[in-house]
């Protein structure tokens, strides 16, 4: 069984906007494909990013939920 997966790189930083601190969030999809390929990418990313978080979403009906607004 091939499982579709996505690897998304996200970052946050604090910027000053009109003298008020604002948390800025950005994300970029860096890969999409079979789960084994995404696992290899996240293992490689963890080698040079000590703050890497991996969040795996599983659904009994096979949905990835990554096609919904704000999640990809």
PDB file of N, CA and C in Angstrom:
ATOM      1  N   UNK A   1       0.840  -1.178   0.000  1.00  0.00           N
ATOM      2  CA  UNK A   1       0.000   0.000   0.000  1.00  0.00           C
ATOM      3  C   UNK A   1       0.885   1.242   0.000  1.00  0.00           C
ATOM      4  N   UNK A   2       0.680   2.120  -0.950  1.00  0.00           N
ATOM      5  CA  UNK A   2       1.422   3.372  -1.017  1.00  0.00           C
ATOM      6  C   UNK A   2       0.622   4.455  -0.315  1.00  0.00           C
ATOM      7  N   UNK A   3       1.260   5.114   0.607  1.00  0.00           N
ATOM      8  CA  UNK A   3       0.603   6.183   1.348  1.00  0.00           C
ATOM      9  C   UNK A   3       1.115   7.514   0.834  1.00  0.00           C
ATOM     10  N   UNK A   4       0.219   8.392   0.458  1.00  0.00           N
ATOM     11  CA  UNK A   4       0.621   9.728   0.019  1.00  0.00           C
ATOM     12  C   UNK A   4       0.955  10.564   1.240  1.00  0.00           C
ATOM     13  N   UNK A   5       2.008  11.332   1.133  1.00  0.00           N
ATOM     14  CA  UNK A   5       2.432  12.168   2.250  1.00  0.00           C
ATOM     15  C   UNK A   5       3.035  13.453   1.718  1.00  0.00           C
ATOM     16  N   UNK A   6       3.108  14.444   2.573  1.00  0.00           N
ATOM     17  CA  UNK A   6       3.731  15.720   2.233  1.00  0.00           C
ATOM     18  C   UNK A   6       4.721  16.090   3.318  1.00  0.00           C
ATOM     19  N   UNK A   7       5.758  16.784   2.931  1.00  0.00           N
ATOM     20  CA  UNK A   7       6.737  17.306   3.877  1.00  0.00           C
ATOM     21  C   UNK A   7       6.690  18.822   3.754  1.00  0.00           C
ATOM     22  N   UNK A   8       6.358  19.484   4.840  1.00  0.00           N
ATOM     23  CA  UNK A   8       6.201  20.935   4.839  1.00  0.00           C
ATOM     24  C   UNK A   8       7.214  21.538   5.789  1.00  0.00           C
ATOM     25  N   UNK A   9       7.942  22.510   5.309  1.00  0.00           N
ATOM     26  CA  UNK A   9       8.892  23.245   6.142  1.00  0.00           C
ATOM     27  C   UNK A   9       8.202  24.516   6.622  1.00  0.00           C
ATOM     28  N   UNK A  10       8.157  24.708   7.931  1.00  0.00           N
ATOM     29  CA  UNK A  10       7.505  25.894   8.488  1.00  0.00           C
ATOM     30  C   UNK A  10       8.465  26.622   9.409  1.00  0.00           C
ATOM     31  N   UNK A  11       8.298  27.914   9.490  1.00  0.00           N
ATOM     32  CA  UNK A  11       9.145  28.689  10.396  1.00  0.00           C
ATOM     33  C   UNK A  11       8.343  29.830  11.004  1.00  0.00           C
ATOM     34  N   UNK A  12       8.773  30.240  12.176  1.00  0.00           N
ATOM     35  CA  UNK A  12       8.162  31.391  12.834  1.00  0.00           C
ATOM     36  C   UNK A  12       9.263  32.342  13.257  1.00  0.00           C
ATOM     37  N   UNK A  13       8.951  33.598  13.282  1.00  0.00           N
ATOM     38  CA  UNK A  13       9.872  34.578  13.827  1.00  0.00           C
ATOM     39  C   UNK A  13       9.062  35.772  14.309  1.00  0.00           C
ATOM     40  N   UNK A  14       9.667  36.547  15.173  1.00  0.00           N
ATOM     41  CA  UNK A  14       8.997  37.716  15.722  1.00  0.00           C
ATOM     42  C   UNK A  14       9.521  38.944  15.000  1.00  0.00           C
ATOM     43  N   UNK A  15       8.610  39.729  14.478  1.00  0.00           N
ATOM     44  CA  UNK A  15       8.972  40.979  13.811  1.00  0.00           C
ATOM     45  C   UNK A  15       8.273  42.123  14.540  1.00  0.00           C
ATOM     46  N   UNK A  16       8.768  43.312  14.360  1.00  0.00           N
ATOM     47  CA  UNK A  16       8.149  44.480  14.984  1.00  0.00           C
ATOM     48  C   UNK A  16       7.337  45.223  13.933  1.00  0.00           C
ATOM     49  N   UNK A  17       6.083  45.423  14.230  1.00  0.00           N
ATOM     50  CA  UNK A  17       5.185  46.132  13.331  1.00  0.00           C
ATOM     51  C   UNK A  17       4.546  47.262  14.131  1.00  0.00           C
ATOM     52  N   UNK A  18       4.863  48.468  13.756  1.00  0.00           N
ATOM     53  CA  UNK A  18       4.379  49.645  14.474  1.00  0.00           C
ATOM     54  C   UNK A  18       4.676  49.535  15.972  1.00  0.00           C
ATOM     55  N   UNK A  19       5.890  49.153  16.288  1.00  0.00           N
ATOM     56  CA  UNK A  19       6.418  49.024  17.650  1.00  0.00           C
ATOM     57  C   UNK A  19       5.760  47.922  18.473  1.00  0.00           C
ATOM     58  N   UNK A  20       5.026  47.030  17.824  1.00  0.00           N
ATOM     59  CA  UNK A  20       4.421  45.894  18.509  1.00  0.00           C
ATOM     60  C   UNK A  20       5.025  44.606  17.968  1.00  0.00           C
ATOM     61  N   UNK A  21       5.408  43.680  18.853  1.00  0.00           N
ATOM     62  CA  UNK A  21       5.940  42.406  18.353  1.00  0.00           C
ATOM     63  C   UNK A  21       4.830  41.567  17.721  1.00  0.00           C
ATOM     64  N   UNK A  22       5.121  40.997  16.579  1.00  0.00           N
ATOM     65  CA  UNK A  22       4.156  40.175  15.857  1.00  0.00           C
ATOM     66  C   UNK A  22       4.825  38.854  15.517  1.00  0.00           C
ATOM     67  N   UNK A  23       4.149  37.751  15.808  1.00  0.00           N
ATOM     68  CA  UNK A  23       4.661  36.429  15.455  1.00  0.00           C
ATOM     69  C   UNK A  23       4.287  36.157  14.007  1.00  0.00           C
ATOM     70  N   UNK A  24       5.293  35.896  13.180  1.00  0.00           N
ATOM     71  CA  UNK A  24       5.064  35.641  11.753  1.00  0.00           C
ATOM     72  C   UNK A  24       5.313  34.162  11.480  1.00  0.00           C
ATOM     73  N   UNK A  25       4.407  33.541  10.753  1.00  0.00           N
ATOM     74  CA  UNK A  25       4.488  32.115  10.431  1.00  0.00           C
ATOM     75  C   UNK A  25       4.548  31.959   8.919  1.00  0.00           C
ATOM     76  N   UNK A  26       5.416  31.100   8.459  1.00  0.00           N
ATOM     77  CA  UNK A  26       5.444  30.795   7.031  1.00  0.00           C
ATOM     78  C   UNK A  26       5.704  29.308   6.847  1.00  0.00           C
ATOM     79  N   UNK A  27       5.209  28.766   5.747  1.00  0.00           N
ATOM     80  CA  UNK A  27       5.440  27.347   5.471  1.00  0.00           C
ATOM     81  C   UNK A  27       5.627  27.143   3.978  1.00  0.00           C
ATOM     82  N   UNK A  28       6.380  26.106   3.650  1.00  0.00           N
ATOM     83  CA  UNK A  28       6.653  25.754   2.268  1.00  0.00           C
ATOM     84  C   UNK A  28       6.609  24.241   2.136  1.00  0.00           C
ATOM     85  N   UNK A  29       5.859  23.748   1.166  1.00  0.00           N
ATOM     86  CA  UNK A  29       5.859  22.312   0.926  1.00  0.00           C
ATOM     87  C   UNK A  29       7.141  21.968   0.190  1.00  0.00           C
ATOM     88  N   UNK A  30       7.949  21.075   0.767  1.00  0.00           N
ATOM     89  CA  UNK A  30       9.220  20.745   0.135  1.00  0.00           C
ATOM     90  C   UNK A  30       9.216  19.382  -0.546  1.00  0.00           C
ATOM     91  N   UNK A  31       8.194  18.569  -0.296  1.00  0.00           N
ATOM     92  CA  UNK A  31       8.126  17.271  -0.976  1.00  0.00           C
ATOM     93  C   UNK A  31       6.730  16.684  -0.820  1.00  0.00           C
ATOM     94  N   UNK A  32       6.371  15.826  -1.774  1.00  0.00           N
ATOM     95  CA  UNK A  32       5.119  15.096  -1.696  1.00  0.00           C
ATOM     96  C   UNK A  32       5.337  13.768  -2.398  1.00  0.00           C
ATOM     97  N   UNK A  33       4.853  12.692  -1.814  1.00  0.00           N
ATOM     98  CA  UNK A  33       5.027  11.393  -2.432  1.00  0.00           C
ATOM     99  C   UNK A  33       4.771  10.271  -1.453  1.00  0.00           C
ATOM    100  N   UNK A  34       5.321   9.089  -1.738  1.00  0.00           N
ATOM    101  CA  UNK A  34       5.141   7.942  -0.855  1.00  0.00           C
ATOM    102  C   UNK A  34       5.722   8.218   0.534  1.00  0.00           C
ATOM    103  N   UNK A  35       5.100   7.627   1.540  1.00  0.00           N
ATOM    104  CA  UNK A  35       5.509   7.859   2.926  1.00  0.00           C
ATOM    105  C   UNK A  35       6.983   7.531   3.154  1.00  0.00           C
ATOM    106  N   UNK A  36       7.492   6.471   2.540  1.00  0.00           N
ATOM    107  CA  UNK A  36       8.902   6.104   2.758  1.00  0.00           C
ATOM    108  C   UNK A  36       9.847   7.206   2.267  1.00  0.00           C
ATOM    109  N   UNK A  37       9.485   7.884   1.168  1.00  0.00           N
ATOM    110  CA  UNK A  37      10.308   8.986   0.665  1.00  0.00           C
ATOM    111  C   UNK A  37      10.278  10.169   1.626  1.00  0.00           C
ATOM    112  N   UNK A  38       9.104  10.467   2.167  1.00  0.00           N
ATOM    113  CA  UNK A  38       8.970  11.569   3.116  1.00  0.00           C
ATOM    114  C   UNK A  38       9.720  11.243   4.403  1.00  0.00           C
ATOM    115  N   UNK A  39       9.681   9.986   4.842  1.00  0.00           N
ATOM    116  CA  UNK A  39      10.448   9.581   6.029  1.00  0.00           C
ATOM    117  C   UNK A  39      11.937   9.822   5.817  1.00  0.00           C
ATOM    118  N   UNK A  40      12.445   9.518   4.627  1.00  0.00           N
ATOM    119  CA  UNK A  40      13.866   9.741   4.330  1.00  0.00           C
ATOM    120  C   UNK A  40      14.199  11.229   4.362  1.00  0.00           C
ATOM    121  N   UNK A  41      13.308  12.059   3.839  1.00  0.00           N
ATOM    122  CA  UNK A  41      13.539  13.507   3.847  1.00  0.00           C
ATOM    123  C   UNK A  41      13.548  14.042   5.270  1.00  0.00           C
ATOM    124  N   UNK A  42      12.591  13.619   6.101  1.00  0.00           N
ATOM    125  CA  UNK A  42      12.557  14.130   7.474  1.00  0.00           C
ATOM    126  C   UNK A  42      13.762  13.651   8.270  1.00  0.00           C
ATOM    127  N   UNK A  43      14.245  12.453   8.009  1.00  0.00           N
ATOM    128  CA  UNK A  43      15.462  11.972   8.670  1.00  0.00           C
ATOM    129  C   UNK A  43      16.652  12.833   8.278  1.00  0.00           C
ATOM    130  N   UNK A  44      16.763  13.161   6.999  1.00  0.00           N
ATOM    131  CA  UNK A  44      17.850  14.024   6.532  1.00  0.00           C
ATOM    132  C   UNK A  44      17.739  15.424   7.144  1.00  0.00           C
ATOM    133  N   UNK A  45      16.530  15.996   7.153  1.00  0.00           N
ATOM    134  CA  UNK A  45      16.316  17.327   7.723  1.00  0.00           C
ATOM    135  C   UNK A  45      16.683  17.356   9.211  1.00  0.00           C
ATOM    136  N   UNK A  46      16.351  16.292   9.936  1.00  0.00           N
ATOM    137  CA  UNK A  46      16.658  16.229  11.369  1.00  0.00           C
ATOM    138  C   UNK A  46      18.156  16.241  11.623  1.00  0.00           C
ATOM    139  N   UNK A  47      18.947  15.836  10.638  1.00  0.00           N
ATOM    140  CA  UNK A  47      20.396  15.829  10.785  1.00  0.00           C
ATOM    141  C   UNK A  47      21.003  17.213  10.893  1.00  0.00           C
ATOM    142  N   UNK A  48      20.327  18.224  10.348  1.00  0.00           N
ATOM    143  CA  UNK A  48      20.892  19.569  10.434  1.00  0.00           C
ATOM    144  C   UNK A  48      19.930  20.587  11.046  1.00  0.00           C
ATOM    145  N   UNK A  49      18.743  20.168  11.465  1.00  0.00           N
ATOM    146  CA  UNK A  49      17.797  21.080  12.112  1.00  0.00           C
ATOM    147  C   UNK A  49      17.384  20.500  13.461  1.00  0.00           C
ATOM    148  N   UNK A  50      18.043  20.921  14.549  1.00  0.00           N
ATOM    149  CA  UNK A  50      17.741  20.351  15.860  1.00  0.00           C
ATOM    150  C   UNK A  50      16.355  20.732  16.384  1.00  0.00           C
ATOM    151  N   UNK A  51      15.704  21.720  15.777  1.00  0.00           N
ATOM    152  CA  UNK A  51      14.373  22.141  16.216  1.00  0.00           C
ATOM    153  C   UNK A  51      13.259  21.548  15.361  1.00  0.00           C
ATOM    154  N   UNK A  52      13.568  20.555  14.565  1.00  0.00           N
ATOM    155  CA  UNK A  52      12.581  19.959  13.669  1.00  0.00           C
ATOM    156  C   UNK A  52      11.459  19.294  14.462  1.00  0.00           C
ATOM    157  N   UNK A  53      10.243  19.578  14.075  1.00  0.00           N
ATOM    158  CA  UNK A  53       9.074  18.906  14.631  1.00  0.00           C
ATOM    159  C   UNK A  53       8.443  18.102  13.504  1.00  0.00           C
ATOM    160  N   UNK A  54       8.080  16.874  13.790  1.00  0.00           N
ATOM    161  CA  UNK A  54       7.379  16.043  12.813  1.00  0.00           C
ATOM    162  C   UNK A  54       5.994  15.765  13.372  1.00  0.00           C
ATOM    163  N   UNK A  55       4.984  16.165  12.620  1.00  0.00           N
ATOM    164  CA  UNK A  55       3.599  15.926  13.015  1.00  0.00           C
ATOM    165  C   UNK A  55       2.984  15.029  11.956  1.00  0.00           C
ATOM    166  N   UNK A  56       2.578  13.846  12.364  1.00  0.00           N
ATOM    167  CA  UNK A  56       2.003  12.891  11.422  1.00  0.00           C
ATOM    168  C   UNK A  56       0.505  12.805  11.663  1.00  0.00           C
ATOM    169  N   UNK A  57      -0.260  13.014  10.608  1.00  0.00           N
ATOM    170  CA  UNK A  57      -1.716  12.979  10.695  1.00  0.00           C
ATOM    171  C   UNK A  57      -2.190  11.721   9.987  1.00  0.00           C
ATOM    172  N   UNK A  58      -2.927  10.884  10.713  1.00  0.00           N
ATOM    173  CA  UNK A  58      -3.460   9.667  10.121  1.00  0.00           C
ATOM    174  C   UNK A  58      -4.975   9.686  10.219  1.00  0.00           C
ATOM    175  N   UNK A  59      -5.617   9.160   9.198  1.00  0.00           N
ATOM    176  CA  UNK A  59      -7.066   9.112   9.156  1.00  0.00           C
ATOM    177  C   UNK A  59      -7.500   7.709   8.753  1.00  0.00           C
ATOM    178  N   UNK A  60      -8.483   7.175   9.431  1.00  0.00           N
ATOM    179  CA  UNK A  60      -8.963   5.829   9.104  1.00  0.00           C
ATOM    180  C   UNK A  60      -9.513   5.730   7.690  1.00  0.00           C
ATOM    181  N   UNK A  61     -10.064   6.834   7.189  1.00  0.00           N
ATOM    182  CA  UNK A  61     -10.633   6.789   5.837  1.00  0.00           C
ATOM    183  C   UNK A  61      -9.634   7.206   4.765  1.00  0.00           C
ATOM    184  N   UNK A  62      -8.352   7.365   5.117  1.00  0.00           N
ATOM    185  CA  UNK A  62      -7.311   7.635   4.136  1.00  0.00           C
ATOM    186  C   UNK A  62      -7.085   9.087   3.790  1.00  0.00           C
ATOM    187  N   UNK A  63      -7.802   9.997   4.424  1.00  0.00           N
ATOM    188  CA  UNK A  63      -7.611  11.426   4.146  1.00  0.00           C
ATOM    189  C   UNK A  63      -6.306  11.898   4.777  1.00  0.00           C
ATOM    190  N   UNK A  64      -5.614  12.798   4.086  1.00  0.00           N
ATOM    191  CA  UNK A  64      -4.377  13.353   4.645  1.00  0.00           C
ATOM    192  C   UNK A  64      -4.628  14.657   5.379  1.00  0.00           C
ATOM    193  N   UNK A  65      -5.746  15.298   5.120  1.00  0.00           N
ATOM    194  CA  UNK A  65      -6.124  16.586   5.701  1.00  0.00           C
ATOM    195  C   UNK A  65      -5.232  17.720   5.229  1.00  0.00           C
ATOM    196  N   UNK A  66      -4.229  17.432   4.406  1.00  0.00           N
ATOM    197  CA  UNK A  66      -3.305  18.463   3.954  1.00  0.00           C
ATOM    198  C   UNK A  66      -3.871  19.294   2.814  1.00  0.00           C
ATOM    199  N   UNK A  67      -5.023  18.884   2.287  1.00  0.00           N
ATOM    200  CA  UNK A  67      -5.622  19.656   1.205  1.00  0.00           C
ATOM    201  C   UNK A  67      -6.562  20.746   1.720  1.00  0.00           C
ATOM    202  N   UNK A  68      -6.684  20.872   3.031  1.00  0.00           N
ATOM    203  CA  UNK A  68      -7.553  21.891   3.599  1.00  0.00           C
ATOM    204  C   UNK A  68      -6.791  23.197   3.791  1.00  0.00           C
ATOM    205  N   UNK A  69      -7.499  24.309   3.667  1.00  0.00           N
ATOM    206  CA  UNK A  69      -6.883  25.625   3.809  1.00  0.00           C
ATOM    207  C   UNK A  69      -6.114  25.743   5.117  1.00  0.00           C
ATOM    208  N   UNK A  70      -4.901  26.279   5.022  1.00  0.00           N
ATOM    209  CA  UNK A  70      -4.085  26.528   6.196  1.00  0.00           C
ATOM    210  C   UNK A  70      -3.270  25.351   6.682  1.00  0.00           C
ATOM    211  N   UNK A  71      -3.422  24.187   6.075  1.00  0.00           N
ATOM    212  CA  UNK A  71      -2.701  23.005   6.536  1.00  0.00           C
ATOM    213  C   UNK A  71      -1.588  22.569   5.604  1.00  0.00           C
ATOM    214  N   UNK A  72      -1.446  23.221   4.482  1.00  0.00           N
ATOM    215  CA  UNK A  72      -0.374  22.840   3.561  1.00  0.00           C
ATOM    216  C   UNK A  72       0.279  24.059   2.983  1.00  0.00           C
TER     217      UNK A  72
END
